[in-house]
Amino acid sequence: MPDKIPELILDRWNREIINNFYNARKDMEFPEMVKKILQCKKIRNTEYNFVDNRIKKMTKKNIFEIGRNSPLKYSLILDKSFIQRFTFPTRRAKGMAVEVDGKFQIFED
C-alpha cells in the first residue's frame, strides 16, 4: 500500500516562496532567493534548509519541479500557479492562485 502524501498547507511561508519564484529574475541563484524570501542579509544552514524542505514538500504536490541544470535548482510550474487581480467579495485585489490536488486555492495579498 503506497504512502499517502500528507495534506499540503499553503501558509504564509509557502505563499511567500511561490510569490518570489513567480517574480524571480533568471540570474538569481538559490542562496540569494532564500535571502529575499526570509528578508535577511545573511543566511545560515537552518534558513537554507527551511526553504529547501518547504519546496521539496511542494514538489510532491507538483507545484515545483527539480531542475538539475538550473541556478535556482527548483523551478515553479507556471501552469499550477499564477498571480493576477481577482474579484473578491469585498473588493478587486491582487491575489495568488495555486493548484493543489486538482483544485485551485486562491489567496488575497
PDB file of N, CA and C in Angstrom:
ATOM      1  N   MET A   1       0.848  -1.177   0.000  1.00  0.00           N
ATOM      2  CA  MET A   1       0.000   0.000   0.000  1.00  0.00           C
ATOM      3  C   MET A   1       0.895   1.243   0.000  1.00  0.00           C
ATOM      4  N   PRO A   2       0.760   2.130  -0.994  1.00  0.00           N
ATOM      5  CA  PRO A   2       1.634   3.304  -1.048  1.00  0.00           C
ATOM      6  C   PRO A   2       1.315   4.285   0.074  1.00  0.00           C
ATOM      7  N   ASP A   3       2.367   5.007   0.476  1.00  0.00           N
ATOM      8  CA  ASP A   3       2.180   6.026   1.498  1.00  0.00           C
ATOM      9  C   ASP A   3       1.379   7.178   0.929  1.00  0.00           C
ATOM     10  N   LYS A   4       0.444   7.667   1.712  1.00  0.00           N
ATOM     11  CA  LYS A   4      -0.350   8.812   1.290  1.00  0.00           C
ATOM     12  C   LYS A   4       0.453  10.081   1.543  1.00  0.00           C
ATOM     13  N   ILE A   5       0.464  10.965   0.563  1.00  0.00           N
ATOM     14  CA  ILE A   5       1.160  12.239   0.720  1.00  0.00           C
ATOM     15  C   ILE A   5       0.331  13.098   1.663  1.00  0.00           C
ATOM     16  N   PRO A   6       0.955  13.635   2.719  1.00  0.00           N
ATOM     17  CA  PRO A   6       0.184  14.439   3.671  1.00  0.00           C
ATOM     18  C   PRO A   6      -0.371  15.701   3.008  1.00  0.00           C
ATOM     19  N   GLU A   7      -1.442  16.204   3.573  1.00  0.00           N
ATOM     20  CA  GLU A   7      -2.100  17.403   3.076  1.00  0.00           C
ATOM     21  C   GLU A   7      -1.130  18.582   3.109  1.00  0.00           C
ATOM     22  N   LEU A   8      -1.079  19.323   2.026  1.00  0.00           N
ATOM     23  CA  LEU A   8      -0.213  20.483   1.929  1.00  0.00           C
ATOM     24  C   LEU A   8      -0.972  21.705   2.419  1.00  0.00           C
ATOM     25  N   ILE A   9      -0.385  22.409   3.358  1.00  0.00           N
ATOM     26  CA  ILE A   9      -0.979  23.630   3.877  1.00  0.00           C
ATOM     27  C   ILE A   9      -0.199  24.797   3.292  1.00  0.00           C
ATOM     28  N   LEU A  10      -0.892  25.632   2.557  1.00  0.00           N
ATOM     29  CA  LEU A  10      -0.245  26.791   1.959  1.00  0.00           C
ATOM     30  C   LEU A  10      -0.308  27.954   2.939  1.00  0.00           C
ATOM     31  N   ASP A  11       0.621  27.971   3.866  1.00  0.00           N
ATOM     32  CA  ASP A  11       0.665  29.043   4.851  1.00  0.00           C
ATOM     33  C   ASP A  11       1.429  30.236   4.271  1.00  0.00           C
ATOM     34  N   ARG A  12       1.698  31.202   5.105  1.00  0.00           N
ATOM     35  CA  ARG A  12       2.342  32.441   4.672  1.00  0.00           C
ATOM     36  C   ARG A  12       3.700  32.178   4.039  1.00  0.00           C
ATOM     37  N   TRP A  13       4.488  31.266   4.606  1.00  0.00           N
ATOM     38  CA  TRP A  13       5.832  30.995   4.078  1.00  0.00           C
ATOM     39  C   TRP A  13       5.778  30.325   2.716  1.00  0.00           C
ATOM     40  N   ASN A  14       4.882  29.359   2.550  1.00  0.00           N
ATOM     41  CA  ASN A  14       4.762  28.705   1.244  1.00  0.00           C
ATOM     42  C   ASN A  14       4.298  29.694   0.178  1.00  0.00           C
ATOM     43  N   ARG A  15       3.369  30.566   0.522  1.00  0.00           N
ATOM     44  CA  ARG A  15       2.913  31.570  -0.433  1.00  0.00           C
ATOM     45  C   ARG A  15       4.019  32.561  -0.756  1.00  0.00           C
ATOM     46  N   GLU A  16       4.834  32.907   0.226  1.00  0.00           N
ATOM     47  CA  GLU A  16       5.967  33.815   0.004  1.00  0.00           C
ATOM     48  C   GLU A  16       6.996  33.176  -0.929  1.00  0.00           C
ATOM     49  N   ILE A  17       7.249  31.890  -0.759  1.00  0.00           N
ATOM     50  CA  ILE A  17       8.178  31.169  -1.633  1.00  0.00           C
ATOM     51  C   ILE A  17       7.643  31.148  -3.061  1.00  0.00           C
ATOM     52  N   ILE A  18       6.360  30.826  -3.232  1.00  0.00           N
ATOM     53  CA  ILE A  18       5.767  30.786  -4.568  1.00  0.00           C
ATOM     54  C   ILE A  18       5.806  32.166  -5.211  1.00  0.00           C
ATOM     55  N   ASN A  19       5.475  33.191  -4.453  1.00  0.00           N
ATOM     56  CA  ASN A  19       5.471  34.560  -4.964  1.00  0.00           C
ATOM     57  C   ASN A  19       6.865  34.972  -5.434  1.00  0.00           C
ATOM     58  N   ASN A  20       7.893  34.669  -4.654  1.00  0.00           N
ATOM     59  CA  ASN A  20       9.250  35.050  -5.038  1.00  0.00           C
ATOM     60  C   ASN A  20       9.744  34.267  -6.249  1.00  0.00           C
ATOM     61  N   PHE A  21       9.399  33.005  -6.351  1.00  0.00           N
ATOM     62  CA  PHE A  21       9.797  32.241  -7.530  1.00  0.00           C
ATOM     63  C   PHE A  21       9.024  32.700  -8.761  1.00  0.00           C
ATOM     64  N   TYR A  22       7.780  33.110  -8.587  1.00  0.00           N
ATOM     65  CA  TYR A  22       6.968  33.600  -9.700  1.00  0.00           C
ATOM     66  C   TYR A  22       7.577  34.870 -10.288  1.00  0.00           C
ATOM     67  N   ASN A  23       8.112  35.730  -9.414  1.00  0.00           N
ATOM     68  CA  ASN A  23       8.684  37.011  -9.836  1.00  0.00           C
ATOM     69  C   ASN A  23      10.204  36.982  -9.926  1.00  0.00           C
ATOM     70  N   ALA A  24      10.817  35.816  -9.946  1.00  0.00           N
ATOM     71  CA  ALA A  24      12.279  35.696  -9.902  1.00  0.00           C
ATOM     72  C   ALA A  24      12.933  36.161 -11.189  1.00  0.00           C
ATOM     73  N   ARG A  25      14.129  36.704 -10.998  1.00  0.00           N
ATOM     74  CA  ARG A  25      14.972  37.021 -12.139  1.00  0.00           C
ATOM     75  C   ARG A  25      15.723  35.768 -12.564  1.00  0.00           C
ATOM     76  N   LYS A  26      16.074  35.690 -13.815  1.00  0.00           N
ATOM     77  CA  LYS A  26      16.751  34.497 -14.321  1.00  0.00           C
ATOM     78  C   LYS A  26      18.160  34.341 -13.772  1.00  0.00           C
ATOM     79  N   ASP A  27      18.842  35.435 -13.430  1.00  0.00           N
ATOM     80  CA  ASP A  27      20.221  35.342 -12.971  1.00  0.00           C
ATOM     81  C   ASP A  27      20.342  35.143 -11.457  1.00  0.00           C
ATOM     82  N   MET A  28      19.234  35.002 -10.748  1.00  0.00           N
ATOM     83  CA  MET A  28      19.265  34.850  -9.292  1.00  0.00           C
ATOM     84  C   MET A  28      19.553  33.397  -8.919  1.00  0.00           C
ATOM     85  N   GLU A  29      20.458  33.210  -7.972  1.00  0.00           N
ATOM     86  CA  GLU A  29      20.787  31.870  -7.512  1.00  0.00           C
ATOM     87  C   GLU A  29      19.988  31.551  -6.251  1.00  0.00           C
ATOM     88  N   PHE A  30      19.979  30.263  -5.879  1.00  0.00           N
ATOM     89  CA  PHE A  30      19.129  29.821  -4.769  1.00  0.00           C
ATOM     90  C   PHE A  30      19.465  30.502  -3.438  1.00  0.00           C
ATOM     91  N   PRO A  31      20.749  30.641  -3.034  1.00  0.00           N
ATOM     92  CA  PRO A  31      21.012  31.353  -1.766  1.00  0.00           C
ATOM     93  C   PRO A  31      20.503  32.787  -1.766  1.00  0.00           C
ATOM     94  N   GLU A  32      20.584  33.476  -2.909  1.00  0.00           N
ATOM     95  CA  GLU A  32      20.044  34.830  -2.999  1.00  0.00           C
ATOM     96  C   GLU A  32      18.533  34.821  -2.851  1.00  0.00           C
ATOM     97  N   MET A  33      17.899  33.794  -3.415  1.00  0.00           N
ATOM     98  CA  MET A  33      16.448  33.671  -3.317  1.00  0.00           C
ATOM     99  C   MET A  33      16.037  33.444  -1.861  1.00  0.00           C
ATOM    100  N   VAL A  34      16.787  32.625  -1.135  1.00  0.00           N
ATOM    101  CA  VAL A  34      16.483  32.377   0.282  1.00  0.00           C
ATOM    102  C   VAL A  34      16.588  33.678   1.071  1.00  0.00           C
ATOM    103  N   LYS A  35      17.614  34.495   0.806  1.00  0.00           N
ATOM    104  CA  LYS A  35      17.755  35.791   1.479  1.00  0.00           C
ATOM    105  C   LYS A  35      16.553  36.682   1.188  1.00  0.00           C
ATOM    106  N   LYS A  36      16.081  36.664  -0.054  1.00  0.00           N
ATOM    107  CA  LYS A  36      14.949  37.504  -0.429  1.00  0.00           C
ATOM    108  C   LYS A  36      13.665  37.012   0.221  1.00  0.00           C
ATOM    109  N   ILE A  37      13.468  35.702   0.276  1.00  0.00           N
ATOM    110  CA  ILE A  37      12.258  35.141   0.872  1.00  0.00           C
ATOM    111  C   ILE A  37      12.192  35.441   2.360  1.00  0.00           C
ATOM    112  N   LEU A  38      13.300  35.203   3.061  1.00  0.00           N
ATOM    113  CA  LEU A  38      13.326  35.398   4.505  1.00  0.00           C
ATOM    114  C   LEU A  38      13.662  36.828   4.915  1.00  0.00           C
ATOM    115  N   GLN A  39      13.973  37.680   3.945  1.00  0.00           N
ATOM    116  CA  GLN A  39      14.306  39.080   4.178  1.00  0.00           C
ATOM    117  C   GLN A  39      15.405  39.247   5.217  1.00  0.00           C
ATOM    118  N   CYS A  40      16.520  38.560   4.974  1.00  0.00           N
ATOM    119  CA  CYS A  40      17.669  38.669   5.857  1.00  0.00           C
ATOM    120  C   CYS A  40      18.925  38.922   5.024  1.00  0.00           C
ATOM    121  N   LYS A  41      19.967  39.434   5.679  1.00  0.00           N
ATOM    122  CA  LYS A  41      21.194  39.756   4.971  1.00  0.00           C
ATOM    123  C   LYS A  41      22.138  38.570   4.879  1.00  0.00           C
ATOM    124  N   LYS A  42      22.090  37.697   5.863  1.00  0.00           N
ATOM    125  CA  LYS A  42      22.983  36.544   5.892  1.00  0.00           C
ATOM    126  C   LYS A  42      22.159  35.306   6.227  1.00  0.00           C
ATOM    127  N   ILE A  43      22.392  34.232   5.494  1.00  0.00           N
ATOM    128  CA  ILE A  43      21.650  33.002   5.769  1.00  0.00           C
ATOM    129  C   ILE A  43      22.585  31.965   6.378  1.00  0.00           C
ATOM    130  N   ARG A  44      22.001  31.194   7.247  1.00  0.00           N
ATOM    131  CA  ARG A  44      22.723  30.068   7.837  1.00  0.00           C
ATOM    132  C   ARG A  44      22.131  28.793   7.271  1.00  0.00           C
ATOM    133  N   ASN A  45      22.676  27.694   7.678  1.00  0.00           N
ATOM    134  CA  ASN A  45      22.225  26.399   7.180  1.00  0.00           C
ATOM    135  C   ASN A  45      20.761  26.138   7.531  1.00  0.00           C
ATOM    136  N   THR A  46      20.313  26.578   8.692  1.00  0.00           N
ATOM    137  CA  THR A  46      18.928  26.317   9.103  1.00  0.00           C
ATOM    138  C   THR A  46      17.931  27.041   8.211  1.00  0.00           C
ATOM    139  N   GLU A  47      18.228  28.304   7.849  1.00  0.00           N
ATOM    140  CA  GLU A  47      17.333  29.049   6.969  1.00  0.00           C
ATOM    141  C   GLU A  47      17.304  28.425   5.574  1.00  0.00           C
ATOM    142  N   TYR A  48      18.469  28.045   5.092  1.00  0.00           N
ATOM    143  CA  TYR A  48      18.563  27.407   3.779  1.00  0.00           C
ATOM    144  C   TYR A  48      17.746  26.114   3.755  1.00  0.00           C
ATOM    145  N   ASN A  49      17.906  25.286   4.799  1.00  0.00           N
ATOM    146  CA  ASN A  49      17.178  24.021   4.870  1.00  0.00           C
ATOM    147  C   ASN A  49      15.674  24.234   5.045  1.00  0.00           C
ATOM    148  N   PHE A  50      15.285  25.294   5.757  1.00  0.00           N
ATOM    149  CA  PHE A  50      13.869  25.610   5.952  1.00  0.00           C
ATOM    150  C   PHE A  50      13.178  25.815   4.607  1.00  0.00           C
ATOM    151  N   VAL A  51      13.753  26.663   3.767  1.00  0.00           N
ATOM    152  CA  VAL A  51      13.174  26.936   2.453  1.00  0.00           C
ATOM    153  C   VAL A  51      13.275  25.704   1.558  1.00  0.00           C
ATOM    154  N   ASP A  52      14.411  25.031   1.591  1.00  0.00           N
ATOM    155  CA  ASP A  52      14.632  23.843   0.769  1.00  0.00           C
ATOM    156  C   ASP A  52      13.610  22.744   1.083  1.00  0.00           C
ATOM    157  N   ASN A  53      13.354  22.502   2.352  1.00  0.00           N
ATOM    158  CA  ASN A  53      12.395  21.463   2.746  1.00  0.00           C
ATOM    159  C   ASN A  53      10.966  21.828   2.355  1.00  0.00           C
ATOM    160  N   ARG A  54      10.603  23.088   2.465  1.00  0.00           N
ATOM    161  CA  ARG A  54       9.254  23.506   2.062  1.00  0.00           C
ATOM    162  C   ARG A  54       9.055  23.345   0.558  1.00  0.00           C
ATOM    163  N   ILE A  55      10.087  23.648  -0.215  1.00  0.00           N
ATOM    164  CA  ILE A  55       9.977  23.485  -1.670  1.00  0.00           C
ATOM    165  C   ILE A  55       9.884  22.007  -2.025  1.00  0.00           C
ATOM    166  N   LYS A  56      10.627  21.161  -1.318  1.00  0.00           N
ATOM    167  CA  LYS A  56      10.558  19.714  -1.586  1.00  0.00           C
ATOM    168  C   LYS A  56       9.154  19.180  -1.311  1.00  0.00           C
ATOM    169  N   LYS A  57       8.488  19.680  -0.266  1.00  0.00           N
ATOM    170  CA  LYS A  57       7.110  19.264   0.010  1.00  0.00           C
ATOM    171  C   LYS A  57       6.167  19.731  -1.091  1.00  0.00           C
ATOM    172  N   MET A  58       6.395  20.937  -1.608  1.00  0.00           N
ATOM    173  CA  MET A  58       5.548  21.435  -2.687  1.00  0.00           C
ATOM    174  C   MET A  58       5.860  20.711  -4.001  1.00  0.00           C
ATOM    175  N   THR A  59       7.069  20.183  -4.130  1.00  0.00           N
ATOM    176  CA  THR A  59       7.422  19.393  -5.309  1.00  0.00           C
ATOM    177  C   THR A  59       6.606  18.108  -5.358  1.00  0.00           C
ATOM    178  N   LYS A  60       6.316  17.529  -4.209  1.00  0.00           N
ATOM    179  CA  LYS A  60       5.493  16.308  -4.160  1.00  0.00           C
ATOM    180  C   LYS A  60       4.067  16.572  -4.621  1.00  0.00           C
ATOM    181  N   LYS A  61       3.609  17.807  -4.510  1.00  0.00           N
ATOM    182  CA  LYS A  61       2.267  18.190  -4.966  1.00  0.00           C
ATOM    183  C   LYS A  61       2.298  18.809  -6.360  1.00  0.00           C
ATOM    184  N   ASN A  62       3.424  18.707  -7.057  1.00  0.00           N
ATOM    185  CA  ASN A  62       3.601  19.190  -8.432  1.00  0.00           C
ATOM    186  C   ASN A  62       3.424  20.695  -8.582  1.00  0.00           C
ATOM    187  N   ILE A  63       3.836  21.456  -7.586  1.00  0.00           N
ATOM    188  CA  ILE A  63       3.848  22.907  -7.707  1.00  0.00           C
ATOM    189  C   ILE A  63       5.215  23.358  -8.210  1.00  0.00           C
ATOM    190  N   PHE A  64       6.263  22.679  -7.768  1.00  0.00           N
ATOM    191  CA  PHE A  64       7.634  22.930  -8.209  1.00  0.00           C
ATOM    192  C   PHE A  64       8.155  21.686  -8.896  1.00  0.00           C
ATOM    193  N   GLU A  65       9.205  21.864  -9.695  1.00  0.00           N
ATOM    194  CA  GLU A  65       9.924  20.727 -10.246  1.00  0.00           C
ATOM    195  C   GLU A  65      11.410  20.958 -10.027  1.00  0.00           C
ATOM    196  N   ILE A  66      12.136  19.883  -9.871  1.00  0.00           N
ATOM    197  CA  ILE A  66      13.565  19.963  -9.621  1.00  0.00           C
ATOM    198  C   ILE A  66      14.287  19.991 -10.960  1.00  0.00           C
ATOM    199  N   GLY A  67      15.101  21.017 -11.147  1.00  0.00           N
ATOM    200  CA  GLY A  67      15.879  21.153 -12.376  1.00  0.00           C
ATOM    201  C   GLY A  67      17.352  20.986 -12.069  1.00  0.00           C
ATOM    202  N   ARG A  68      18.002  20.113 -12.734  1.00  0.00           N
ATOM    203  CA  ARG A  68      19.412  19.826 -12.455  1.00  0.00           C
ATOM    204  C   ARG A  68      20.356  20.898 -12.988  1.00  0.00           C
ATOM    205  N   ASN A  69      20.032  21.525 -14.104  1.00  0.00           N
ATOM    206  CA  ASN A  69      20.939  22.494 -14.713  1.00  0.00           C
ATOM    207  C   ASN A  69      20.488  23.927 -14.492  1.00  0.00           C
ATOM    208  N   SER A  70      19.750  24.154 -13.448  1.00  0.00           N
ATOM    209  CA  SER A  70      19.229  25.482 -13.162  1.00  0.00           C
ATOM    210  C   SER A  70      19.998  26.111 -12.012  1.00  0.00           C
ATOM    211  N   PRO A  71      20.278  27.418 -12.069  1.00  0.00           N
ATOM    212  CA  PRO A  71      20.967  28.050 -10.942  1.00  0.00           C
ATOM    213  C   PRO A  71      20.109  28.076  -9.684  1.00  0.00           C
ATOM    214  N   LEU A  72      18.773  28.057  -9.846  1.00  0.00           N
ATOM    215  CA  LEU A  72      17.896  28.041  -8.688  1.00  0.00           C
ATOM    216  C   LEU A  72      17.659  26.633  -8.163  1.00  0.00           C
ATOM    217  N   LYS A  73      17.972  25.615  -8.950  1.00  0.00           N
ATOM    218  CA  LYS A  73      17.813  24.217  -8.572  1.00  0.00           C
ATOM    219  C   LYS A  73      16.355  23.763  -8.615  1.00  0.00           C
ATOM    220  N   TYR A  74      15.422  24.679  -8.427  1.00  0.00           N
ATOM    221  CA  TYR A  74      13.995  24.377  -8.494  1.00  0.00           C
ATOM    222  C   TYR A  74      13.353  25.349  -9.475  1.00  0.00           C
ATOM    223  N   SER A  75      12.262  24.935 -10.064  1.00  0.00           N
ATOM    224  CA  SER A  75      11.511  25.866 -10.897  1.00  0.00           C
ATOM    225  C   SER A  75      10.023  25.694 -10.610  1.00  0.00           C
ATOM    226  N   LEU A  76       9.333  26.800 -10.632  1.00  0.00           N
ATOM    227  CA  LEU A  76       7.902  26.828 -10.381  1.00  0.00           C
ATOM    228  C   LEU A  76       7.170  26.401 -11.647  1.00  0.00           C
ATOM    229  N   ILE A  77       6.209  25.513 -11.522  1.00  0.00           N
ATOM    230  CA  ILE A  77       5.406  25.097 -12.665  1.00  0.00           C
ATOM    231  C   ILE A  77       4.334  26.166 -12.860  1.00  0.00           C
ATOM    232  N   LEU A  78       4.462  26.919 -13.933  1.00  0.00           N
ATOM    233  CA  LEU A  78       3.591  28.077 -14.131  1.00  0.00           C
ATOM    234  C   LEU A  78       2.157  27.705 -14.480  1.00  0.00           C
ATOM    235  N   ASP A  79       1.910  26.458 -14.884  1.00  0.00           N
ATOM    236  CA  ASP A  79       0.531  26.025 -15.125  1.00  0.00           C
ATOM    237  C   ASP A  79      -0.215  25.774 -13.817  1.00  0.00           C
ATOM    238  N   LYS A  80       0.516  25.619 -12.725  1.00  0.00           N
ATOM    239  CA  LYS A  80      -0.090  25.301 -11.430  1.00  0.00           C
ATOM    240  C   LYS A  80      -0.279  26.524 -10.538  1.00  0.00           C
ATOM    241  N   SER A  81       0.305  27.651 -10.904  1.00  0.00           N
ATOM    242  CA  SER A  81       0.160  28.836 -10.058  1.00  0.00           C
ATOM    243  C   SER A  81       0.253  30.097 -10.914  1.00  0.00           C
ATOM    244  N   PHE A  82      -0.470  31.118 -10.497  1.00  0.00           N
ATOM    245  CA  PHE A  82      -0.384  32.406 -11.166  1.00  0.00           C
ATOM    246  C   PHE A  82      -0.824  33.500 -10.217  1.00  0.00           C
ATOM    247  N   ILE A  83      -0.356  34.712 -10.511  1.00  0.00           N
ATOM    248  CA  ILE A  83      -0.676  35.886  -9.710  1.00  0.00           C
ATOM    249  C   ILE A  83      -1.318  36.903 -10.647  1.00  0.00           C
ATOM    250  N   GLN A  84      -2.490  37.373 -10.259  1.00  0.00           N
ATOM    251  CA  GLN A  84      -3.201  38.374 -11.050  1.00  0.00           C
ATOM    252  C   GLN A  84      -4.242  39.054 -10.159  1.00  0.00           C
ATOM    253  N   ARG A  85      -5.025  39.947 -10.733  1.00  0.00           N
ATOM    254  CA  ARG A  85      -6.096  40.606  -9.982  1.00  0.00           C
ATOM    255  C   ARG A  85      -7.335  39.724 -10.008  1.00  0.00           C
ATOM    256  N   PHE A  86      -7.907  39.500  -8.835  1.00  0.00           N
ATOM    257  CA  PHE A  86      -9.119  38.698  -8.688  1.00  0.00           C
ATOM    258  C   PHE A  86     -10.215  39.557  -8.087  1.00  0.00           C
ATOM    259  N   THR A  87     -11.454  39.174  -8.312  1.00  0.00           N
ATOM    260  CA  THR A  87     -12.582  39.837  -7.672  1.00  0.00           C
ATOM    261  C   THR A  87     -12.965  39.024  -6.448  1.00  0.00           C
ATOM    262  N   PHE A  88     -12.753  39.620  -5.294  1.00  0.00           N
ATOM    263  CA  PHE A  88     -13.114  39.010  -4.022  1.00  0.00           C
ATOM    264  C   PHE A  88     -14.448  39.600  -3.572  1.00  0.00           C
ATOM    265  N   PRO A  89     -15.111  38.993  -2.597  1.00  0.00           N
ATOM    266  CA  PRO A  89     -16.414  39.533  -2.160  1.00  0.00           C
ATOM    267  C   PRO A  89     -16.360  40.988  -1.703  1.00  0.00           C
ATOM    268  N   THR A  90     -15.252  41.410  -1.133  1.00  0.00           N
ATOM    269  CA  THR A  90     -15.183  42.777  -0.621  1.00  0.00           C
ATOM    270  C   THR A  90     -14.620  43.767  -1.622  1.00  0.00           C
ATOM    271  N   ARG A  91     -13.733  43.307  -2.522  1.00  0.00           N
ATOM    272  CA  ARG A  91     -13.099  44.222  -3.465  1.00  0.00           C
ATOM    273  C   ARG A  91     -12.341  43.444  -4.532  1.00  0.00           C
ATOM    274  N   ARG A  92     -11.817  44.171  -5.480  1.00  0.00           N
ATOM    275  CA  ARG A  92     -10.961  43.573  -6.502  1.00  0.00           C
ATOM    276  C   ARG A  92      -9.529  43.863  -6.089  1.00  0.00           C
ATOM    277  N   ALA A  93      -8.724  42.815  -5.955  1.00  0.00           N
ATOM    278  CA  ALA A  93      -7.364  42.984  -5.460  1.00  0.00           C
ATOM    279  C   ALA A  93      -6.435  41.947  -6.075  1.00  0.00           C
ATOM    280  N   LYS A  94      -5.145  42.187  -5.895  1.00  0.00           N
ATOM    281  CA  LYS A  94      -4.143  41.242  -6.364  1.00  0.00           C
ATOM    282  C   LYS A  94      -4.232  39.979  -5.530  1.00  0.00           C
ATOM    283  N   GLY A  95      -4.147  38.843  -6.182  1.00  0.00           N
ATOM    284  CA  GLY A  95      -4.227  37.572  -5.474  1.00  0.00           C
ATOM    285  C   GLY A  95      -3.369  36.514  -6.141  1.00  0.00           C
ATOM    286  N   MET A  96      -3.270  35.390  -5.483  1.00  0.00           N
ATOM    287  CA  MET A  96      -2.473  34.271  -5.974  1.00  0.00           C
ATOM    288  C   MET A  96      -3.358  33.034  -6.027  1.00  0.00           C
ATOM    289  N   ALA A  97      -3.266  32.292  -7.113  1.00  0.00           N
ATOM    290  CA  ALA A  97      -3.991  31.032  -7.250  1.00  0.00           C
ATOM    291  C   ALA A  97      -2.976  29.913  -7.413  1.00  0.00           C
ATOM    292  N   VAL A  98      -3.141  28.846  -6.623  1.00  0.00           N
ATOM    293  CA  VAL A  98      -2.236  27.706  -6.657  1.00  0.00           C
ATOM    294  C   VAL A  98      -3.079  26.442  -6.754  1.00  0.00           C
ATOM    295  N   GLU A  99      -2.737  25.573  -7.701  1.00  0.00           N
ATOM    296  CA  GLU A  99      -3.466  24.321  -7.867  1.00  0.00           C
ATOM    297  C   GLU A  99      -2.861  23.244  -6.977  1.00  0.00           C
ATOM    298  N   VAL A 100      -3.682  22.719  -6.077  1.00  0.00           N
ATOM    299  CA  VAL A 100      -3.274  21.632  -5.187  1.00  0.00           C
ATOM    300  C   VAL A 100      -4.327  20.540  -5.296  1.00  0.00           C
ATOM    301  N   ASP A 101      -3.912  19.348  -5.633  1.00  0.00           N
ATOM    302  CA  ASP A 101      -4.807  18.191  -5.779  1.00  0.00           C
ATOM    303  C   ASP A 101      -5.942  18.449  -6.766  1.00  0.00           C
ATOM    304  N   GLY A 102      -5.630  19.132  -7.870  1.00  0.00           N
ATOM    305  CA  GLY A 102      -6.615  19.345  -8.919  1.00  0.00           C
ATOM    306  C   GLY A 102      -7.572  20.496  -8.691  1.00  0.00           C
ATOM    307  N   LYS A 103      -7.442  21.222  -7.587  1.00  0.00           N
ATOM    308  CA  LYS A 103      -8.319  22.352  -7.292  1.00  0.00           C
ATOM    309  C   LYS A 103      -7.463  23.575  -7.005  1.00  0.00           C
ATOM    310  N   PHE A 104      -7.902  24.729  -7.516  1.00  0.00           N
ATOM    311  CA  PHE A 104      -7.171  25.956  -7.273  1.00  0.00           C
ATOM    312  C   PHE A 104      -7.577  26.545  -5.924  1.00  0.00           C
ATOM    313  N   GLN A 105      -6.579  26.961  -5.167  1.00  0.00           N
ATOM    314  CA  GLN A 105      -6.795  27.703  -3.928  1.00  0.00           C
ATOM    315  C   GLN A 105      -6.385  29.139  -4.208  1.00  0.00           C
ATOM    316  N   ILE A 106      -7.242  30.079  -3.872  1.00  0.00           N
ATOM    317  CA  ILE A 106      -6.982  31.479  -4.174  1.00  0.00           C
ATOM    318  C   ILE A 106      -6.757  32.220  -2.864  1.00  0.00           C
ATOM    319  N   PHE A 107      -5.697  33.038  -2.854  1.00  0.00           N
ATOM    320  CA  PHE A 107      -5.309  33.805  -1.665  1.00  0.00           C
ATOM    321  C   PHE A 107      -5.220  35.263  -2.040  1.00  0.00           C
ATOM    322  N   GLU A 108      -5.722  36.113  -1.154  1.00  0.00           N
ATOM    323  CA  GLU A 108      -5.656  37.554  -1.346  1.00  0.00           C
ATOM    324  C   GLU A 108      -4.373  38.094  -0.726  1.00  0.00           C
ATOM    325  N   ASP A 109      -3.698  38.978  -1.427  1.00  0.00           N
ATOM    326  CA  ASP A 109      -2.477  39.589  -0.870  1.00  0.00           C
ATOM    327  C   ASP A 109      -2.797  40.683   0.102  1.00  0.00           C
TER     328      ASP A 109
END
